[in-house]
Amino acid sequence: EIANDADPPLVHSVSFGPAEEFATTAGIPAAIYVRRVNTELMKMGVRGLTLLFADGDAGATCNPIYGNCSLASPVWPASSPYGLAVGATFLAREDANGTARVQEVAMSSDIGVSLTTGGGFSYHSSRPSHQDAAVASYLDKMSASQDLPPDSFFAQPGWREKRALPDLSAIGIGLFMVLGGSSAQAASGASAATPIVAGLVTLLNDARL
């Protein structure tokens, strides 16, 4: 429908994402399906549209098909190079040297919130050059602290050279929504953070276009 729209919305927030290696529909093989969808995403990008995809709420793994958290499992289409992957953060209180401060950190069940925002590396998409510096810094930091998962955590080799997720993040916890005239319901996760980023992109478009 968007492809046939002569004047489509310029920004699209999408909360959808199977595991990258199981992205398929109606029995179409994953490789063919992903390639076809990526082609459509490229067409939308050429028209000046921005596609933002929620990066999931199960960390870098926990694909239910595996039944455990033993393998990294990136979310698609957040892992597509033709969209922006959005993760979720929250404000955490940290006491350092007797001084209390509030710091924005990635949502993680390890530090007291209900979910862990998505992330990791694509198995199929090459890393764009604008990510090189950030990924190199991350890998150096994690290697130095010995917090980097072993290569056995990844289903395929070569992940260090692949696209990293997410591209950017926003606050994604306890966000109140207006539904049916009521704002009593709150939402959390990447699916709540992604519309925030979409709103910011819309404001940027409004200022520039």
N, C-alpha and C. Protein backbone atom coordinates (compact mmCIF):
# COMPACT_ATOMS: atom_id res chain seq x y z
N GLU A 1 0.83 -1.20 0.00
CA GLU A 1 0.00 0.00 0.00
C GLU A 1 0.86 1.26 0.00
N ILE A 2 1.94 1.25 0.80
CA ILE A 2 2.80 2.42 0.85
C ILE A 2 3.45 2.67 -0.51
N ALA A 3 3.86 1.58 -1.17
CA ALA A 3 4.51 1.72 -2.48
C ALA A 3 3.56 2.35 -3.49
N ASN A 4 2.27 2.13 -3.34
CA ASN A 4 1.30 2.67 -4.28
C ASN A 4 0.76 4.02 -3.87
N ASP A 5 1.18 4.53 -2.72
CA ASP A 5 0.70 5.82 -2.21
C ASP A 5 1.57 6.93 -2.79
N ALA A 6 0.94 7.88 -3.46
CA ALA A 6 1.69 8.97 -4.07
C ALA A 6 2.24 9.94 -3.03
N ASP A 7 1.64 9.99 -1.86
CA ASP A 7 2.08 10.92 -0.82
C ASP A 7 2.04 10.21 0.55
N PRO A 8 2.94 9.25 0.77
CA PRO A 8 2.89 8.46 2.01
C PRO A 8 3.45 9.22 3.19
N PRO A 9 3.12 8.79 4.42
CA PRO A 9 3.77 9.37 5.60
C PRO A 9 5.28 9.18 5.50
N LEU A 10 6.04 10.15 5.98
CA LEU A 10 7.49 10.09 5.84
C LEU A 10 8.16 9.24 6.91
N VAL A 11 7.47 8.99 8.02
CA VAL A 11 8.08 8.25 9.13
C VAL A 11 7.15 7.11 9.53
N HIS A 12 7.76 5.92 9.72
CA HIS A 12 6.99 4.73 10.06
C HIS A 12 7.61 4.04 11.27
N SER A 13 6.83 3.85 12.32
CA SER A 13 7.27 3.14 13.52
C SER A 13 6.66 1.75 13.49
N VAL A 14 7.52 0.73 13.55
CA VAL A 14 7.07 -0.65 13.38
C VAL A 14 7.45 -1.49 14.60
N SER A 15 6.45 -2.13 15.19
CA SER A 15 6.69 -3.04 16.31
C SER A 15 6.41 -4.46 15.85
N PHE A 16 7.39 -5.04 15.20
CA PHE A 16 7.25 -6.38 14.63
C PHE A 16 8.65 -6.95 14.50
N GLY A 17 8.83 -8.22 14.83
CA GLY A 17 10.16 -8.74 14.69
C GLY A 17 10.35 -10.19 15.07
N PRO A 18 10.35 -11.09 14.10
CA PRO A 18 10.76 -12.46 14.38
C PRO A 18 12.28 -12.54 14.46
N ALA A 19 12.78 -13.66 14.89
CA ALA A 19 14.23 -13.89 14.85
C ALA A 19 14.69 -13.83 13.40
N GLU A 20 15.85 -13.23 13.17
CA GLU A 20 16.36 -13.03 11.82
C GLU A 20 16.42 -14.33 11.02
N GLU A 21 16.88 -15.40 11.65
CA GLU A 21 17.06 -16.64 10.92
C GLU A 21 15.74 -17.39 10.67
N PHE A 22 14.65 -16.88 11.25
CA PHE A 22 13.34 -17.51 11.02
C PHE A 22 12.34 -16.54 10.44
N ALA A 23 12.84 -15.47 9.81
CA ALA A 23 11.96 -14.49 9.18
C ALA A 23 11.38 -15.08 7.90
N THR A 24 10.12 -15.42 7.94
CA THR A 24 9.48 -16.03 6.78
C THR A 24 7.98 -15.81 6.88
N THR A 25 7.27 -16.09 5.82
CA THR A 25 5.82 -15.99 5.84
C THR A 25 5.25 -16.91 4.76
N ALA A 26 4.13 -17.50 5.07
CA ALA A 26 3.40 -18.32 4.10
C ALA A 26 4.28 -19.37 3.43
N GLY A 27 5.26 -19.88 4.18
CA GLY A 27 6.10 -20.92 3.64
C GLY A 27 7.20 -20.47 2.70
N ILE A 28 7.32 -19.15 2.49
CA ILE A 28 8.39 -18.65 1.62
C ILE A 28 9.72 -18.78 2.36
N PRO A 29 10.75 -19.34 1.75
CA PRO A 29 12.05 -19.47 2.42
C PRO A 29 12.55 -18.13 2.95
N ALA A 30 13.19 -18.17 4.11
CA ALA A 30 13.60 -16.94 4.77
C ALA A 30 14.49 -16.07 3.89
N ALA A 31 15.46 -16.67 3.20
CA ALA A 31 16.39 -15.88 2.39
C ALA A 31 15.65 -15.10 1.31
N ILE A 32 14.67 -15.74 0.69
CA ILE A 32 13.90 -15.08 -0.38
C ILE A 32 13.01 -14.00 0.21
N TYR A 33 12.37 -14.32 1.32
CA TYR A 33 11.45 -13.37 1.97
C TYR A 33 12.20 -12.12 2.43
N VAL A 34 13.33 -12.31 3.11
CA VAL A 34 14.11 -11.18 3.62
C VAL A 34 14.61 -10.32 2.46
N ARG A 35 15.12 -10.95 1.41
CA ARG A 35 15.61 -10.20 0.26
C ARG A 35 14.49 -9.38 -0.38
N ARG A 36 13.30 -9.95 -0.46
CA ARG A 36 12.17 -9.22 -1.08
C ARG A 36 11.75 -8.04 -0.22
N VAL A 37 11.66 -8.25 1.09
CA VAL A 37 11.28 -7.15 1.98
C VAL A 37 12.36 -6.07 1.98
N ASN A 38 13.61 -6.47 2.00
CA ASN A 38 14.69 -5.48 1.96
C ASN A 38 14.61 -4.62 0.70
N THR A 39 14.22 -5.23 -0.42
CA THR A 39 14.06 -4.47 -1.66
C THR A 39 13.00 -3.39 -1.49
N GLU A 40 11.88 -3.76 -0.84
CA GLU A 40 10.82 -2.78 -0.61
C GLU A 40 11.28 -1.68 0.35
N LEU A 41 12.07 -2.05 1.37
CA LEU A 41 12.58 -1.05 2.31
C LEU A 41 13.53 -0.09 1.59
N MET A 42 14.34 -0.61 0.66
CA MET A 42 15.22 0.25 -0.12
C MET A 42 14.41 1.25 -0.95
N LYS A 43 13.34 0.77 -1.55
CA LYS A 43 12.48 1.65 -2.36
C LYS A 43 11.92 2.78 -1.49
N MET A 44 11.50 2.44 -0.28
CA MET A 44 10.95 3.44 0.63
C MET A 44 12.02 4.45 1.02
N GLY A 45 13.25 3.97 1.25
CA GLY A 45 14.33 4.87 1.61
C GLY A 45 14.66 5.84 0.49
N VAL A 46 14.64 5.36 -0.75
CA VAL A 46 14.91 6.22 -1.90
C VAL A 46 13.86 7.33 -2.00
N ARG A 47 12.66 7.06 -1.54
CA ARG A 47 11.59 8.06 -1.58
C ARG A 47 11.66 9.04 -0.41
N GLY A 48 12.63 8.84 0.48
CA GLY A 48 12.78 9.76 1.61
C GLY A 48 12.04 9.34 2.85
N LEU A 49 11.58 8.10 2.91
CA LEU A 49 10.86 7.61 4.08
C LEU A 49 11.84 7.06 5.11
N THR A 50 11.51 7.20 6.37
CA THR A 50 12.32 6.66 7.46
C THR A 50 11.56 5.52 8.11
N LEU A 51 12.20 4.35 8.20
CA LEU A 51 11.61 3.16 8.80
C LEU A 51 12.31 2.86 10.11
N LEU A 52 11.55 2.84 11.20
CA LEU A 52 12.12 2.54 12.51
C LEU A 52 11.51 1.25 13.02
N PHE A 53 12.38 0.32 13.45
CA PHE A 53 11.92 -0.99 13.89
C PHE A 53 12.32 -1.25 15.34
N ALA A 54 11.35 -1.67 16.16
CA ALA A 54 11.65 -2.04 17.54
C ALA A 54 12.59 -3.24 17.55
N ASP A 55 13.57 -3.19 18.46
CA ASP A 55 14.63 -4.20 18.49
C ASP A 55 14.34 -5.34 19.47
N GLY A 56 13.11 -5.46 19.91
CA GLY A 56 12.73 -6.60 20.75
C GLY A 56 13.03 -6.38 22.23
N ASP A 57 12.49 -7.29 23.04
CA ASP A 57 12.60 -7.20 24.50
C ASP A 57 13.12 -8.49 25.10
N ALA A 58 13.96 -9.21 24.36
CA ALA A 58 14.49 -10.48 24.87
C ALA A 58 16.01 -10.50 24.81
N GLY A 59 16.62 -9.34 24.93
CA GLY A 59 18.07 -9.28 24.90
C GLY A 59 18.62 -9.65 23.54
N ALA A 60 19.82 -10.20 23.52
CA ALA A 60 20.45 -10.60 22.26
C ALA A 60 20.11 -12.03 21.89
N THR A 61 19.22 -12.65 22.65
CA THR A 61 18.97 -14.08 22.44
C THR A 61 17.56 -14.44 22.88
N CYS A 62 17.40 -15.59 23.47
CA CYS A 62 16.10 -16.07 23.95
C CYS A 62 15.07 -16.26 22.85
N ASN A 63 15.52 -16.71 21.69
CA ASN A 63 14.57 -17.10 20.65
C ASN A 63 13.81 -18.33 21.15
N PRO A 64 12.47 -18.25 21.22
CA PRO A 64 11.72 -19.40 21.75
C PRO A 64 11.88 -20.68 20.95
N ILE A 65 12.28 -20.56 19.68
CA ILE A 65 12.48 -21.77 18.87
C ILE A 65 13.64 -22.58 19.42
N TYR A 66 14.66 -21.90 19.96
CA TYR A 66 15.78 -22.62 20.54
C TYR A 66 15.41 -23.21 21.90
N GLY A 67 14.45 -22.58 22.57
CA GLY A 67 14.02 -23.09 23.86
C GLY A 67 14.92 -22.69 25.01
N ASN A 68 15.95 -21.92 24.73
CA ASN A 68 16.84 -21.46 25.80
C ASN A 68 17.57 -20.21 25.32
N CYS A 69 18.53 -19.77 26.13
CA CYS A 69 19.27 -18.55 25.79
C CYS A 69 20.70 -18.86 25.38
N SER A 70 20.91 -19.98 24.74
CA SER A 70 22.27 -20.43 24.46
C SER A 70 22.88 -19.82 23.21
N LEU A 71 22.05 -19.24 22.32
CA LEU A 71 22.56 -18.69 21.07
C LEU A 71 22.03 -17.28 20.83
N ALA A 72 22.90 -16.42 20.29
CA ALA A 72 22.48 -15.08 19.90
C ALA A 72 21.45 -15.17 18.79
N SER A 73 20.42 -14.35 18.88
CA SER A 73 19.33 -14.42 17.93
C SER A 73 18.82 -13.01 17.63
N PRO A 74 19.42 -12.32 16.65
CA PRO A 74 19.02 -10.95 16.34
C PRO A 74 17.60 -10.87 15.79
N VAL A 75 16.97 -9.73 16.00
CA VAL A 75 15.58 -9.50 15.56
C VAL A 75 15.60 -8.87 14.17
N TRP A 76 14.70 -9.32 13.33
CA TRP A 76 14.53 -8.77 11.99
C TRP A 76 13.09 -8.29 11.85
N PRO A 77 12.79 -7.18 11.20
CA PRO A 77 13.65 -6.39 10.32
C PRO A 77 14.51 -5.32 11.00
N ALA A 78 14.58 -5.33 12.34
CA ALA A 78 15.50 -4.38 12.99
C ALA A 78 16.93 -4.59 12.51
N SER A 79 17.28 -5.81 12.15
CA SER A 79 18.64 -6.10 11.68
C SER A 79 18.86 -5.73 10.21
N SER A 80 17.80 -5.33 9.52
CA SER A 80 17.96 -4.92 8.13
C SER A 80 18.78 -3.64 8.04
N PRO A 81 19.67 -3.53 7.07
CA PRO A 81 20.45 -2.30 6.92
C PRO A 81 19.65 -1.15 6.32
N TYR A 82 18.39 -1.40 5.99
CA TYR A 82 17.57 -0.39 5.33
C TYR A 82 16.53 0.23 6.26
N GLY A 83 16.74 0.07 7.56
CA GLY A 83 15.89 0.72 8.56
C GLY A 83 16.73 1.09 9.76
N LEU A 84 16.10 1.69 10.75
CA LEU A 84 16.78 2.04 11.99
C LEU A 84 16.24 1.15 13.10
N ALA A 85 17.14 0.49 13.82
CA ALA A 85 16.76 -0.35 14.95
C ALA A 85 16.76 0.50 16.22
N VAL A 86 15.69 0.36 17.01
CA VAL A 86 15.54 1.17 18.22
C VAL A 86 15.45 0.28 19.44
N GLY A 87 16.29 0.56 20.42
CA GLY A 87 16.28 -0.16 21.69
C GLY A 87 15.65 0.69 22.78
N ALA A 88 15.56 0.13 23.99
CA ALA A 88 14.91 0.81 25.10
C ALA A 88 15.88 1.02 26.26
N THR A 89 15.77 2.18 26.90
CA THR A 89 16.60 2.50 28.06
C THR A 89 15.71 2.88 29.24
N PHE A 90 16.33 3.05 30.39
CA PHE A 90 15.62 3.61 31.54
C PHE A 90 16.60 4.39 32.39
N LEU A 91 16.07 5.18 33.32
CA LEU A 91 16.91 6.00 34.19
C LEU A 91 17.17 5.25 35.48
N ALA A 92 18.43 4.95 35.73
CA ALA A 92 18.82 4.18 36.90
C ALA A 92 19.56 5.07 37.88
N ARG A 93 19.29 4.86 39.16
CA ARG A 93 20.00 5.60 40.20
C ARG A 93 21.29 4.85 40.54
N GLU A 94 22.37 5.57 40.52
CA GLU A 94 23.67 4.96 40.80
C GLU A 94 24.38 5.76 41.89
N ASP A 95 24.88 5.06 42.89
CA ASP A 95 25.64 5.70 43.96
C ASP A 95 27.12 5.43 43.73
N ALA A 96 27.85 6.46 43.39
CA ALA A 96 29.29 6.34 43.11
C ALA A 96 30.07 7.26 44.04
N ASN A 97 30.96 6.69 44.82
CA ASN A 97 31.79 7.47 45.74
C ASN A 97 30.95 8.34 46.67
N GLY A 98 29.82 7.76 47.08
CA GLY A 98 28.96 8.48 48.01
C GLY A 98 28.09 9.53 47.38
N THR A 99 28.16 9.67 46.06
CA THR A 99 27.37 10.68 45.36
C THR A 99 26.31 9.99 44.49
N ALA A 100 25.05 10.34 44.72
CA ALA A 100 23.96 9.74 43.95
C ALA A 100 23.80 10.47 42.62
N ARG A 101 23.61 9.71 41.57
CA ARG A 101 23.36 10.32 40.27
C ARG A 101 22.40 9.43 39.49
N VAL A 102 21.74 10.01 38.51
CA VAL A 102 20.82 9.27 37.65
C VAL A 102 21.48 9.12 36.29
N GLN A 103 21.51 7.89 35.80
CA GLN A 103 22.18 7.59 34.54
C GLN A 103 21.23 6.82 33.63
N GLU A 104 21.23 7.15 32.34
CA GLU A 104 20.42 6.41 31.36
C GLU A 104 21.19 5.18 30.92
N VAL A 105 20.58 4.01 31.09
CA VAL A 105 21.22 2.74 30.74
C VAL A 105 20.23 1.86 29.98
N ALA A 106 20.77 0.86 29.31
CA ALA A 106 19.92 -0.08 28.58
C ALA A 106 19.04 -0.86 29.55
N MET A 107 17.78 -1.06 29.18
CA MET A 107 16.90 -1.87 30.01
C MET A 107 17.44 -3.29 30.10
N SER A 108 17.53 -3.81 31.32
CA SER A 108 18.07 -5.14 31.53
C SER A 108 17.46 -5.75 32.78
N SER A 109 17.03 -7.00 32.65
CA SER A 109 16.46 -7.70 33.80
C SER A 109 17.51 -7.94 34.88
N ASP A 110 18.80 -7.86 34.50
CA ASP A 110 19.87 -8.05 35.47
C ASP A 110 19.96 -6.92 36.48
N ILE A 111 19.40 -5.77 36.13
CA ILE A 111 19.49 -4.62 37.03
C ILE A 111 18.14 -4.12 37.48
N GLY A 112 17.16 -5.04 37.50
CA GLY A 112 15.93 -4.74 38.21
C GLY A 112 14.71 -4.37 37.42
N VAL A 113 14.76 -4.36 36.08
CA VAL A 113 13.56 -4.08 35.32
C VAL A 113 13.02 -5.38 34.73
N SER A 114 11.84 -5.31 34.16
CA SER A 114 11.12 -6.54 33.79
C SER A 114 11.58 -7.17 32.49
N LEU A 115 12.39 -6.49 31.70
CA LEU A 115 12.80 -7.04 30.41
C LEU A 115 14.19 -6.54 30.04
N THR A 116 14.76 -7.17 29.03
CA THR A 116 16.07 -6.76 28.53
C THR A 116 15.93 -6.37 27.06
N THR A 117 16.32 -5.14 26.76
CA THR A 117 16.15 -4.65 25.40
C THR A 117 17.00 -5.45 24.41
N GLY A 118 16.56 -5.50 23.17
CA GLY A 118 17.24 -6.28 22.15
C GLY A 118 18.57 -5.67 21.75
N GLY A 119 19.39 -6.46 21.10
CA GLY A 119 20.70 -5.99 20.64
C GLY A 119 21.46 -7.11 19.98
N GLY A 120 22.73 -6.87 19.73
CA GLY A 120 23.57 -7.90 19.15
C GLY A 120 24.04 -7.57 17.76
N PHE A 121 24.26 -8.62 16.96
CA PHE A 121 24.81 -8.47 15.62
C PHE A 121 24.00 -9.32 14.64
N SER A 122 23.77 -8.75 13.47
CA SER A 122 23.10 -9.50 12.41
C SER A 122 23.98 -10.65 11.93
N TYR A 123 23.36 -11.72 11.46
CA TYR A 123 24.12 -12.81 10.86
C TYR A 123 24.29 -12.61 9.35
N HIS A 124 23.49 -11.72 8.76
CA HIS A 124 23.44 -11.62 7.31
C HIS A 124 23.82 -10.25 6.75
N SER A 125 23.53 -9.19 7.48
CA SER A 125 23.74 -7.84 6.95
C SER A 125 25.13 -7.32 7.32
N SER A 126 25.85 -6.83 6.32
CA SER A 126 27.17 -6.26 6.56
C SER A 126 27.04 -4.98 7.39
N ARG A 127 28.09 -4.68 8.14
CA ARG A 127 28.03 -3.50 9.00
C ARG A 127 28.28 -2.24 8.18
N PRO A 128 27.39 -1.24 8.28
CA PRO A 128 27.63 0.03 7.60
C PRO A 128 28.82 0.76 8.24
N SER A 129 29.51 1.54 7.45
CA SER A 129 30.74 2.18 7.92
C SER A 129 30.52 3.12 9.09
N HIS A 130 29.32 3.72 9.17
CA HIS A 130 29.10 4.68 10.26
C HIS A 130 29.04 4.00 11.63
N GLN A 131 28.96 2.66 11.66
CA GLN A 131 28.96 1.95 12.93
C GLN A 131 30.35 1.51 13.37
N ASP A 132 31.33 1.62 12.49
CA ASP A 132 32.64 1.03 12.75
C ASP A 132 33.27 1.52 14.05
N ALA A 133 33.30 2.83 14.27
CA ALA A 133 33.97 3.37 15.45
C ALA A 133 33.28 2.92 16.73
N ALA A 134 31.95 2.97 16.75
CA ALA A 134 31.20 2.58 17.96
C ALA A 134 31.37 1.10 18.25
N VAL A 135 31.32 0.26 17.21
CA VAL A 135 31.47 -1.18 17.42
C VAL A 135 32.88 -1.52 17.88
N ALA A 136 33.88 -0.89 17.29
CA ALA A 136 35.27 -1.14 17.71
C ALA A 136 35.47 -0.77 19.17
N SER A 137 34.90 0.36 19.58
CA SER A 137 35.01 0.78 20.97
C SER A 137 34.31 -0.21 21.90
N TYR A 138 33.14 -0.68 21.49
CA TYR A 138 32.39 -1.64 22.29
C TYR A 138 33.16 -2.95 22.44
N LEU A 139 33.67 -3.46 21.34
CA LEU A 139 34.39 -4.73 21.39
C LEU A 139 35.66 -4.62 22.24
N ASP A 140 36.36 -3.50 22.13
CA ASP A 140 37.56 -3.30 22.95
C ASP A 140 37.20 -3.26 24.43
N LYS A 141 36.14 -2.54 24.76
CA LYS A 141 35.72 -2.41 26.15
C LYS A 141 35.29 -3.75 26.72
N MET A 142 34.47 -4.48 25.97
CA MET A 142 33.96 -5.76 26.47
C MET A 142 35.07 -6.81 26.55
N SER A 143 36.00 -6.76 25.62
CA SER A 143 37.11 -7.71 25.66
C SER A 143 38.01 -7.44 26.86
N ALA A 144 38.25 -6.16 27.14
CA ALA A 144 39.11 -5.79 28.27
C ALA A 144 38.50 -6.21 29.60
N SER A 145 37.18 -6.12 29.71
CA SER A 145 36.49 -6.49 30.95
C SER A 145 36.10 -7.96 30.99
N GLN A 146 36.41 -8.69 29.90
CA GLN A 146 36.09 -10.12 29.77
C GLN A 146 34.58 -10.36 29.84
N ASP A 147 33.80 -9.40 29.36
CA ASP A 147 32.34 -9.54 29.35
C ASP A 147 31.80 -9.93 27.98
N LEU A 148 32.67 -10.10 27.00
CA LEU A 148 32.22 -10.46 25.67
C LEU A 148 31.86 -11.95 25.63
N PRO A 149 30.70 -12.30 25.08
CA PRO A 149 30.33 -13.72 25.00
C PRO A 149 31.33 -14.51 24.15
N PRO A 150 31.47 -15.79 24.40
CA PRO A 150 32.37 -16.60 23.57
C PRO A 150 31.81 -16.77 22.17
N ASP A 151 32.66 -17.12 21.22
CA ASP A 151 32.21 -17.31 19.85
C ASP A 151 31.14 -18.40 19.74
N SER A 152 31.12 -19.33 20.67
CA SER A 152 30.13 -20.40 20.65
C SER A 152 28.71 -19.88 20.91
N PHE A 153 28.60 -18.64 21.41
CA PHE A 153 27.30 -18.03 21.66
C PHE A 153 26.62 -17.62 20.36
N PHE A 154 27.41 -17.50 19.29
CA PHE A 154 26.89 -17.04 18.01
C PHE A 154 26.72 -18.21 17.05
N ALA A 155 25.57 -18.24 16.37
CA ALA A 155 25.24 -19.37 15.51
C ALA A 155 26.10 -19.42 14.26
N GLN A 156 26.68 -18.29 13.87
CA GLN A 156 27.50 -18.25 12.66
C GLN A 156 28.76 -17.44 12.93
N PRO A 157 29.87 -17.75 12.25
CA PRO A 157 31.10 -16.98 12.41
C PRO A 157 31.00 -15.64 11.69
N GLY A 158 31.96 -14.79 11.94
CA GLY A 158 32.02 -13.51 11.22
C GLY A 158 31.13 -12.43 11.77
N TRP A 159 30.54 -12.66 12.94
CA TRP A 159 29.59 -11.69 13.49
C TRP A 159 30.23 -10.34 13.82
N ARG A 160 31.51 -10.31 14.10
CA ARG A 160 32.17 -9.05 14.45
C ARG A 160 32.16 -8.05 13.30
N GLU A 161 32.00 -8.53 12.08
CA GLU A 161 31.99 -7.65 10.91
C GLU A 161 30.58 -7.33 10.44
N LYS A 162 29.58 -7.78 11.17
CA LYS A 162 28.20 -7.59 10.73
C LYS A 162 27.55 -6.37 11.38
N ARG A 163 26.37 -6.05 10.88
CA ARG A 163 25.60 -4.90 11.38
C ARG A 163 25.28 -5.07 12.86
N ALA A 164 25.50 -4.01 13.63
CA ALA A 164 25.22 -4.04 15.06
C ALA A 164 23.86 -3.43 15.36
N LEU A 165 23.25 -3.92 16.44
CA LEU A 165 21.94 -3.44 16.86
C LEU A 165 21.99 -3.01 18.33
N PRO A 166 21.19 -2.01 18.72
CA PRO A 166 20.38 -1.14 17.89
C PRO A 166 21.19 0.04 17.36
N ASP A 167 20.54 0.84 16.51
CA ASP A 167 21.19 2.06 16.01
C ASP A 167 21.11 3.18 17.05
N LEU A 168 20.01 3.26 17.74
CA LEU A 168 19.79 4.27 18.75
C LEU A 168 18.73 3.78 19.72
N SER A 169 18.60 4.47 20.83
CA SER A 169 17.66 4.03 21.87
C SER A 169 16.94 5.22 22.47
N ALA A 170 15.86 4.92 23.19
CA ALA A 170 15.10 5.96 23.88
C ALA A 170 14.50 5.36 25.15
N ILE A 171 14.06 6.23 26.04
CA ILE A 171 13.41 5.78 27.26
C ILE A 171 12.27 4.84 26.91
N GLY A 172 12.21 3.70 27.59
CA GLY A 172 11.20 2.71 27.23
C GLY A 172 10.58 2.01 28.42
N ILE A 173 10.33 2.74 29.50
CA ILE A 173 9.72 2.10 30.67
C ILE A 173 8.70 3.04 31.31
N GLY A 174 7.54 2.49 31.65
CA GLY A 174 6.52 3.25 32.35
C GLY A 174 5.98 4.43 31.57
N LEU A 175 5.79 4.25 30.26
CA LEU A 175 5.29 5.34 29.42
C LEU A 175 3.77 5.24 29.33
N PHE A 176 3.09 6.25 29.82
CA PHE A 176 1.64 6.22 29.84
C PHE A 176 1.07 6.53 28.46
N MET A 177 0.05 5.77 28.08
CA MET A 177 -0.60 5.92 26.78
C MET A 177 -2.03 6.38 26.98
N VAL A 178 -2.55 7.09 26.01
CA VAL A 178 -3.96 7.47 26.02
C VAL A 178 -4.72 6.51 25.12
N LEU A 179 -5.55 5.68 25.73
CA LEU A 179 -6.36 4.69 25.00
C LEU A 179 -7.82 4.88 25.40
N GLY A 180 -8.66 5.16 24.41
CA GLY A 180 -10.07 5.35 24.70
C GLY A 180 -10.33 6.50 25.66
N GLY A 181 -9.48 7.51 25.60
CA GLY A 181 -9.65 8.66 26.48
C GLY A 181 -9.06 8.51 27.85
N SER A 182 -8.46 7.34 28.13
CA SER A 182 -7.87 7.10 29.44
C SER A 182 -6.36 6.97 29.31
N SER A 183 -5.64 7.54 30.29
CA SER A 183 -4.17 7.43 30.31
C SER A 183 -3.71 6.56 31.46
N ALA A 184 -4.56 5.61 31.87
CA ALA A 184 -4.25 4.79 33.03
C ALA A 184 -3.31 3.64 32.71
N GLN A 185 -3.11 3.34 31.43
CA GLN A 185 -2.30 2.19 31.05
C GLN A 185 -0.89 2.64 30.65
N ALA A 186 0.11 1.93 31.17
CA ALA A 186 1.50 2.24 30.85
C ALA A 186 2.09 1.12 30.00
N ALA A 187 3.08 1.47 29.20
CA ALA A 187 3.76 0.49 28.33
C ALA A 187 5.26 0.60 28.53
N SER A 188 5.95 -0.49 28.25
CA SER A 188 7.40 -0.52 28.36
C SER A 188 7.99 -1.34 27.22
N GLY A 189 9.28 -1.16 26.99
CA GLY A 189 9.97 -1.95 26.00
C GLY A 189 10.32 -1.17 24.75
N ALA A 190 10.98 -1.86 23.81
CA ALA A 190 11.40 -1.22 22.57
C ALA A 190 10.20 -0.75 21.75
N SER A 191 9.07 -1.43 21.88
CA SER A 191 7.88 -1.03 21.14
C SER A 191 7.30 0.27 21.66
N ALA A 192 7.65 0.64 22.89
CA ALA A 192 7.25 1.93 23.43
C ALA A 192 8.28 3.00 23.10
N ALA A 193 9.55 2.60 23.01
CA ALA A 193 10.61 3.56 22.70
C ALA A 193 10.61 3.98 21.23
N THR A 194 10.27 3.05 20.35
CA THR A 194 10.35 3.33 18.92
C THR A 194 9.45 4.48 18.48
N PRO A 195 8.19 4.57 18.94
CA PRO A 195 7.36 5.72 18.55
C PRO A 195 7.92 7.06 19.04
N ILE A 196 8.66 7.04 20.16
CA ILE A 196 9.29 8.28 20.64
C ILE A 196 10.31 8.76 19.62
N VAL A 197 11.17 7.85 19.16
CA VAL A 197 12.17 8.22 18.16
C VAL A 197 11.49 8.64 16.86
N ALA A 198 10.41 7.95 16.50
CA ALA A 198 9.68 8.32 15.29
C ALA A 198 9.13 9.74 15.40
N GLY A 199 8.66 10.11 16.58
CA GLY A 199 8.18 11.47 16.79
C GLY A 199 9.29 12.49 16.63
N LEU A 200 10.48 12.17 17.14
CA LEU A 200 11.62 13.08 17.00
C LEU A 200 12.02 13.25 15.54
N VAL A 201 12.03 12.13 14.79
CA VAL A 201 12.36 12.21 13.37
C VAL A 201 11.32 13.06 12.63
N THR A 202 10.06 12.92 13.00
CA THR A 202 9.01 13.71 12.39
C THR A 202 9.23 15.20 12.64
N LEU A 203 9.64 15.56 13.85
CA LEU A 203 9.94 16.96 14.16
C LEU A 203 11.12 17.47 13.35
N LEU A 204 12.14 16.61 13.17
CA LEU A 204 13.29 16.99 12.35
C LEU A 204 12.86 17.22 10.90
N ASN A 205 12.00 16.34 10.39
CA ASN A 205 11.49 16.52 9.02
C ASN A 205 10.74 17.82 8.91
N ASP A 206 9.94 18.12 9.94
CA ASP A 206 9.13 19.34 9.92
C ASP A 206 10.01 20.59 9.87
N ALA A 207 11.15 20.51 10.57
CA ALA A 207 12.06 21.66 10.60
C ALA A 207 12.87 21.81 9.32
N ARG A 208 13.14 20.68 8.66
CA ARG A 208 14.05 20.70 7.52
C ARG A 208 13.33 20.76 6.16
N LEU A 209 12.14 20.22 6.09
CA LEU A 209 11.48 20.08 4.79
C LEU A 209 10.44 21.18 4.56
